[in-house]
């Protein structure tokens, strides 16, 4: 179990084809701000049927798409 499991479960439960979450949303879900380790952990998301399609550091959001 990784520190990002609460986020993966949130995304999976959404059942959305495409989900955009702000960094503030992510902090609410996780209880901490995402960091560079997210880039390593994001591959775990495939086990939940989703993938990261875009990360915007400037606009502070991430888009997740159903596989």
PDB file of N, CA and C in Angstrom:
ATOM      1  N   UNK A   1       0.839  -1.185   0.000  1.00  0.00           N
ATOM      2  CA  UNK A   1       0.000   0.000   0.000  1.00  0.00           C
ATOM      3  C   UNK A   1       0.881   1.243   0.000  1.00  0.00           C
ATOM      4  N   UNK A   2       0.606   2.131  -0.929  1.00  0.00           N
ATOM      5  CA  UNK A   2       1.408   3.351  -1.006  1.00  0.00           C
ATOM      6  C   UNK A   2       0.665   4.519  -0.360  1.00  0.00           C
ATOM      7  N   UNK A   3       1.390   5.593  -0.176  1.00  0.00           N
ATOM      8  CA  UNK A   3       0.791   6.779   0.429  1.00  0.00           C
ATOM      9  C   UNK A   3      -0.260   7.414  -0.476  1.00  0.00           C
ATOM     10  N   UNK A   4      -0.289   7.017  -1.742  1.00  0.00           N
ATOM     11  CA  UNK A   4      -1.254   7.569  -2.692  1.00  0.00           C
ATOM     12  C   UNK A   4      -2.517   6.714  -2.846  1.00  0.00           C
ATOM     13  N   UNK A   5      -2.623   5.610  -2.130  1.00  0.00           N
ATOM     14  CA  UNK A   5      -3.803   4.754  -2.241  1.00  0.00           C
ATOM     15  C   UNK A   5      -5.130   5.482  -2.019  1.00  0.00           C
ATOM     16  N   UNK A   6      -5.234   6.403  -1.048  1.00  0.00           N
ATOM     17  CA  UNK A   6      -6.505   7.121  -0.906  1.00  0.00           C
ATOM     18  C   UNK A   6      -6.908   7.867  -2.183  1.00  0.00           C
ATOM     19  N   UNK A   7      -5.926   8.397  -2.891  1.00  0.00           N
ATOM     20  CA  UNK A   7      -6.209   9.093  -4.150  1.00  0.00           C
ATOM     21  C   UNK A   7      -6.633   8.106  -5.226  1.00  0.00           C
ATOM     22  N   UNK A   8      -5.925   6.995  -5.345  1.00  0.00           N
ATOM     23  CA  UNK A   8      -6.272   5.998  -6.363  1.00  0.00           C
ATOM     24  C   UNK A   8      -7.695   5.488  -6.130  1.00  0.00           C
ATOM     25  N   UNK A   9      -8.041   5.230  -4.883  1.00  0.00           N
ATOM     26  CA  UNK A   9      -9.383   4.740  -4.561  1.00  0.00           C
ATOM     27  C   UNK A   9     -10.444   5.803  -4.851  1.00  0.00           C
ATOM     28  N   UNK A  10     -10.134   7.061  -4.576  1.00  0.00           N
ATOM     29  CA  UNK A  10     -11.055   8.165  -4.875  1.00  0.00           C
ATOM     30  C   UNK A  10     -11.322   8.231  -6.377  1.00  0.00           C
ATOM     31  N   UNK A  11     -10.266   8.140  -7.171  1.00  0.00           N
ATOM     32  CA  UNK A  11     -10.399   8.207  -8.625  1.00  0.00           C
ATOM     33  C   UNK A  11     -11.198   7.016  -9.137  1.00  0.00           C
ATOM     34  N   UNK A  12     -10.896   5.831  -8.634  1.00  0.00           N
ATOM     35  CA  UNK A  12     -11.606   4.625  -9.064  1.00  0.00           C
ATOM     36  C   UNK A  12     -13.099   4.729  -8.732  1.00  0.00           C
ATOM     37  N   UNK A  13     -13.439   5.216  -7.557  1.00  0.00           N
ATOM     38  CA  UNK A  13     -14.840   5.340  -7.140  1.00  0.00           C
ATOM     39  C   UNK A  13     -15.590   6.391  -7.950  1.00  0.00           C
ATOM     40  N   UNK A  14     -14.877   7.342  -8.530  1.00  0.00           N
ATOM     41  CA  UNK A  14     -15.528   8.392  -9.324  1.00  0.00           C
ATOM     42  C   UNK A  14     -16.167   7.821 -10.589  1.00  0.00           C
ATOM     43  N   UNK A  15     -15.568   6.751 -11.112  1.00  0.00           N
ATOM     44  CA  UNK A  15     -16.039   6.092 -12.335  1.00  0.00           C
ATOM     45  C   UNK A  15     -16.144   7.043 -13.530  1.00  0.00           C
ATOM     46  N   UNK A  16     -15.418   8.151 -13.471  1.00  0.00           N
ATOM     47  CA  UNK A  16     -15.405   9.132 -14.558  1.00  0.00           C
ATOM     48  C   UNK A  16     -14.461   8.682 -15.660  1.00  0.00           C
ATOM     49  N   UNK A  17     -14.805   9.025 -16.884  1.00  0.00           N
ATOM     50  CA  UNK A  17     -13.910   8.761 -18.011  1.00  0.00           C
ATOM     51  C   UNK A  17     -12.693   9.687 -17.942  1.00  0.00           C
ATOM     52  N   UNK A  18     -12.943  10.922 -17.482  1.00  0.00           N
ATOM     53  CA  UNK A  18     -11.893  11.927 -17.375  1.00  0.00           C
ATOM     54  C   UNK A  18     -12.156  12.730 -16.104  1.00  0.00           C
ATOM     55  N   UNK A  19     -11.133  12.879 -15.284  1.00  0.00           N
ATOM     56  CA  UNK A  19     -11.270  13.567 -14.008  1.00  0.00           C
ATOM     57  C   UNK A  19     -10.120  14.553 -13.854  1.00  0.00           C
ATOM     58  N   UNK A  20     -10.452  15.820 -13.615  1.00  0.00           N
ATOM     59  CA  UNK A  20      -9.427  16.840 -13.382  1.00  0.00           C
ATOM     60  C   UNK A  20      -9.483  17.245 -11.919  1.00  0.00           C
ATOM     61  N   UNK A  21      -8.357  17.150 -11.241  1.00  0.00           N
ATOM     62  CA  UNK A  21      -8.262  17.529  -9.835  1.00  0.00           C
ATOM     63  C   UNK A  21      -7.170  18.573  -9.667  1.00  0.00           C
ATOM     64  N   UNK A  22      -7.460  19.590  -8.880  1.00  0.00           N
ATOM     65  CA  UNK A  22      -6.452  20.617  -8.591  1.00  0.00           C
ATOM     66  C   UNK A  22      -5.519  20.096  -7.500  1.00  0.00           C
ATOM     67  N   UNK A  23      -4.407  20.758  -7.342  1.00  0.00           N
ATOM     68  CA  UNK A  23      -3.483  20.378  -6.272  1.00  0.00           C
ATOM     69  C   UNK A  23      -4.159  20.536  -4.913  1.00  0.00           C
ATOM     70  N   UNK A  24      -5.056  21.534  -4.778  1.00  0.00           N
ATOM     71  CA  UNK A  24      -5.801  21.718  -3.525  1.00  0.00           C
ATOM     72  C   UNK A  24      -6.732  20.532  -3.279  1.00  0.00           C
ATOM     73  N   UNK A  25      -7.393  20.038  -4.344  1.00  0.00           N
ATOM     74  CA  UNK A  25      -8.248  18.844  -4.227  1.00  0.00           C
ATOM     75  C   UNK A  25      -7.420  17.652  -3.755  1.00  0.00           C
ATOM     76  N   UNK A  26      -6.255  17.497  -4.345  1.00  0.00           N
ATOM     77  CA  UNK A  26      -5.379  16.373  -3.998  1.00  0.00           C
ATOM     78  C   UNK A  26      -4.958  16.438  -2.536  1.00  0.00           C
ATOM     79  N   UNK A  27      -4.682  17.639  -2.057  1.00  0.00           N
ATOM     80  CA  UNK A  27      -4.287  17.803  -0.653  1.00  0.00           C
ATOM     81  C   UNK A  27      -5.433  17.414   0.275  1.00  0.00           C
ATOM     82  N   UNK A  28      -6.668  17.773  -0.101  1.00  0.00           N
ATOM     83  CA  UNK A  28      -7.839  17.408   0.709  1.00  0.00           C
ATOM     84  C   UNK A  28      -8.015  15.889   0.755  1.00  0.00           C
ATOM     85  N   UNK A  29      -7.835  15.247  -0.368  1.00  0.00           N
ATOM     86  CA  UNK A  29      -8.014  13.789  -0.459  1.00  0.00           C
ATOM     87  C   UNK A  29      -6.913  13.046   0.286  1.00  0.00           C
ATOM     88  N   UNK A  30      -5.681  13.492   0.113  1.00  0.00           N
ATOM     89  CA  UNK A  30      -4.525  12.789   0.663  1.00  0.00           C
ATOM     90  C   UNK A  30      -4.140  13.223   2.074  1.00  0.00           C
ATOM     91  N   UNK A  31      -4.400  14.482   2.398  1.00  0.00           N
ATOM     92  CA  UNK A  31      -3.970  15.011   3.685  1.00  0.00           C
ATOM     93  C   UNK A  31      -2.561  15.578   3.643  1.00  0.00           C
ATOM     94  N   UNK A  32      -1.974  15.623   2.469  1.00  0.00           N
ATOM     95  CA  UNK A  32      -0.643  16.213   2.283  1.00  0.00           C
ATOM     96  C   UNK A  32      -0.520  16.680   0.833  1.00  0.00           C
ATOM     97  N   UNK A  33       0.426  17.577   0.591  1.00  0.00           N
ATOM     98  CA  UNK A  33       0.662  18.062  -0.772  1.00  0.00           C
ATOM     99  C   UNK A  33       1.470  17.035  -1.555  1.00  0.00           C
ATOM    100  N   UNK A  34       1.143  16.906  -2.845  1.00  0.00           N
ATOM    101  CA  UNK A  34       1.921  15.975  -3.662  1.00  0.00           C
ATOM    102  C   UNK A  34       3.326  16.543  -3.855  1.00  0.00           C
ATOM    103  N   UNK A  35       4.255  15.639  -4.095  1.00  0.00           N
ATOM    104  CA  UNK A  35       5.644  16.036  -4.319  1.00  0.00           C
ATOM    105  C   UNK A  35       6.185  15.266  -5.520  1.00  0.00           C
ATOM    106  N   UNK A  36       7.487  15.335  -5.725  1.00  0.00           N
ATOM    107  CA  UNK A  36       8.098  14.676  -6.889  1.00  0.00           C
ATOM    108  C   UNK A  36       7.901  13.157  -6.873  1.00  0.00           C
ATOM    109  N   UNK A  37       7.685  12.579  -5.706  1.00  0.00           N
ATOM    110  CA  UNK A  37       7.479  11.128  -5.644  1.00  0.00           C
ATOM    111  C   UNK A  37       6.225  10.706  -6.396  1.00  0.00           C
ATOM    112  N   UNK A  38       5.306  11.646  -6.608  1.00  0.00           N
ATOM    113  CA  UNK A  38       4.082  11.342  -7.363  1.00  0.00           C
ATOM    114  C   UNK A  38       4.432  10.774  -8.739  1.00  0.00           C
ATOM    115  N   UNK A  39       5.478  11.284  -9.333  1.00  0.00           N
ATOM    116  CA  UNK A  39       5.877  10.824 -10.669  1.00  0.00           C
ATOM    117  C   UNK A  39       6.250   9.344 -10.665  1.00  0.00           C
ATOM    118  N   UNK A  40       6.800   8.859  -9.571  1.00  0.00           N
ATOM    119  CA  UNK A  40       7.126   7.440  -9.434  1.00  0.00           C
ATOM    120  C   UNK A  40       5.881   6.626  -9.137  1.00  0.00           C
ATOM    121  N   UNK A  41       5.066   7.111  -8.225  1.00  0.00           N
ATOM    122  CA  UNK A  41       3.894   6.370  -7.770  1.00  0.00           C
ATOM    123  C   UNK A  41       2.743   6.351  -8.775  1.00  0.00           C
ATOM    124  N   UNK A  42       2.702   7.305  -9.713  1.00  0.00           N
ATOM    125  CA  UNK A  42       1.556   7.401 -10.614  1.00  0.00           C
ATOM    126  C   UNK A  42       1.344   6.130 -11.444  1.00  0.00           C
ATOM    127  N   UNK A  43       2.373   5.327 -11.641  1.00  0.00           N
ATOM    128  CA  UNK A  43       2.203   4.089 -12.411  1.00  0.00           C
ATOM    129  C   UNK A  43       1.332   3.071 -11.675  1.00  0.00           C
ATOM    130  N   UNK A  44       1.187   3.216 -10.354  1.00  0.00           N
ATOM    131  CA  UNK A  44       0.294   2.336  -9.586  1.00  0.00           C
ATOM    132  C   UNK A  44      -1.166   2.514  -9.992  1.00  0.00           C
ATOM    133  N   UNK A  45      -1.486   3.671 -10.514  1.00  0.00           N
ATOM    134  CA  UNK A  45      -2.855   4.006 -10.871  1.00  0.00           C
ATOM    135  C   UNK A  45      -3.431   3.065 -11.927  1.00  0.00           C
ATOM    136  N   UNK A  46      -2.577   2.480 -12.758  1.00  0.00           N
ATOM    137  CA  UNK A  46      -3.044   1.549 -13.798  1.00  0.00           C
ATOM    138  C   UNK A  46      -3.761   0.354 -13.203  1.00  0.00           C
ATOM    139  N   UNK A  47      -3.372  -0.047 -11.983  1.00  0.00           N
ATOM    140  CA  UNK A  47      -4.034  -1.158 -11.303  1.00  0.00           C
ATOM    141  C   UNK A  47      -5.490  -0.825 -10.988  1.00  0.00           C
ATOM    142  N   UNK A  48      -5.826   0.456 -10.954  1.00  0.00           N
ATOM    143  CA  UNK A  48      -7.176   0.917 -10.650  1.00  0.00           C
ATOM    144  C   UNK A  48      -7.939   1.301 -11.917  1.00  0.00           C
ATOM    145  N   UNK A  49      -7.322   1.085 -13.084  1.00  0.00           N
ATOM    146  CA  UNK A  49      -7.990   1.323 -14.356  1.00  0.00           C
ATOM    147  C   UNK A  49      -7.869   2.734 -14.901  1.00  0.00           C
ATOM    148  N   UNK A  50      -6.923   3.507 -14.380  1.00  0.00           N
ATOM    149  CA  UNK A  50      -6.746   4.890 -14.821  1.00  0.00           C
ATOM    150  C   UNK A  50      -5.284   5.183 -15.117  1.00  0.00           C
ATOM    151  N   UNK A  51      -5.062   6.322 -15.760  1.00  0.00           N
ATOM    152  CA  UNK A  51      -3.708   6.799 -16.016  1.00  0.00           C
ATOM    153  C   UNK A  51      -3.687   8.318 -15.911  1.00  0.00           C
ATOM    154  N   UNK A  52      -2.516   8.863 -15.680  1.00  0.00           N
ATOM    155  CA  UNK A  52      -2.343  10.310 -15.652  1.00  0.00           C
ATOM    156  C   UNK A  52      -2.119  10.761 -17.088  1.00  0.00           C
ATOM    157  N   UNK A  53      -2.963  11.681 -17.564  1.00  0.00           N
ATOM    158  CA  UNK A  53      -2.782  12.140 -18.942  1.00  0.00           C
ATOM    159  C   UNK A  53      -2.128  13.508 -19.023  1.00  0.00           C
ATOM    160  N   UNK A  54      -2.270  14.325 -17.959  1.00  0.00           N
ATOM    161  CA  UNK A  54      -1.629  15.644 -17.986  1.00  0.00           C
ATOM    162  C   UNK A  54      -1.381  16.128 -16.565  1.00  0.00           C
ATOM    163  N   UNK A  55      -0.199  16.704 -16.379  1.00  0.00           N
ATOM    164  CA  UNK A  55       0.143  17.376 -15.118  1.00  0.00           C
ATOM    165  C   UNK A  55       0.516  18.808 -15.484  1.00  0.00           C
ATOM    166  N   UNK A  56      -0.220  19.770 -14.935  1.00  0.00           N
ATOM    167  CA  UNK A  56       0.093  21.178 -15.177  1.00  0.00           C
ATOM    168  C   UNK A  56       0.629  21.785 -13.889  1.00  0.00           C
ATOM    169  N   UNK A  57       1.924  22.022 -13.852  1.00  0.00           N
ATOM    170  CA  UNK A  57       2.530  22.655 -12.681  1.00  0.00           C
ATOM    171  C   UNK A  57       2.179  24.137 -12.624  1.00  0.00           C
ATOM    172  N   UNK A  58       2.032  24.756 -13.780  1.00  0.00           N
ATOM    173  CA  UNK A  58       1.706  26.179 -13.835  1.00  0.00           C
ATOM    174  C   UNK A  58       0.290  26.437 -13.330  1.00  0.00           C
ATOM    175  N   UNK A  59      -0.687  25.648 -13.819  1.00  0.00           N
ATOM    176  CA  UNK A  59      -2.084  25.845 -13.441  1.00  0.00           C
ATOM    177  C   UNK A  59      -2.495  24.973 -12.249  1.00  0.00           C
ATOM    178  N   UNK A  60      -1.593  24.133 -11.792  1.00  0.00           N
ATOM    179  CA  UNK A  60      -1.759  23.301 -10.596  1.00  0.00           C
ATOM    180  C   UNK A  60      -2.971  22.367 -10.662  1.00  0.00           C
ATOM    181  N   UNK A  61      -2.968  21.507 -11.684  1.00  0.00           N
ATOM    182  CA  UNK A  61      -3.987  20.472 -11.770  1.00  0.00           C
ATOM    183  C   UNK A  61      -3.409  19.231 -12.437  1.00  0.00           C
ATOM    184  N   UNK A  62      -4.114  18.120 -12.259  1.00  0.00           N
ATOM    185  CA  UNK A  62      -3.755  16.857 -12.911  1.00  0.00           C
ATOM    186  C   UNK A  62      -5.022  16.292 -13.528  1.00  0.00           C
ATOM    187  N   UNK A  63      -4.892  15.767 -14.736  1.00  0.00           N
ATOM    188  CA  UNK A  63      -6.006  15.119 -15.422  1.00  0.00           C
ATOM    189  C   UNK A  63      -5.756  13.601 -15.431  1.00  0.00           C
ATOM    190  N   UNK A  64      -6.770  12.877 -15.001  1.00  0.00           N
ATOM    191  CA  UNK A  64      -6.731  11.413 -14.967  1.00  0.00           C
ATOM    192  C   UNK A  64      -7.751  10.883 -15.971  1.00  0.00           C
ATOM    193  N   UNK A  65      -7.356   9.902 -16.771  1.00  0.00           N
ATOM    194  CA  UNK A  65      -8.256   9.296 -17.747  1.00  0.00           C
ATOM    195  C   UNK A  65      -8.397   7.804 -17.493  1.00  0.00           C
ATOM    196  N   UNK A  66      -9.610   7.317 -17.745  1.00  0.00           N
ATOM    197  CA  UNK A  66      -9.876   5.884 -17.639  1.00  0.00           C
ATOM    198  C   UNK A  66      -9.168   5.174 -18.786  1.00  0.00           C
ATOM    199  N   UNK A  67      -8.601   4.040 -18.500  1.00  0.00           N
ATOM    200  CA  UNK A  67      -7.886   3.268 -19.533  1.00  0.00           C
ATOM    201  C   UNK A  67      -8.898   2.468 -20.336  1.00  0.00           C
TER     202      UNK A  67
END
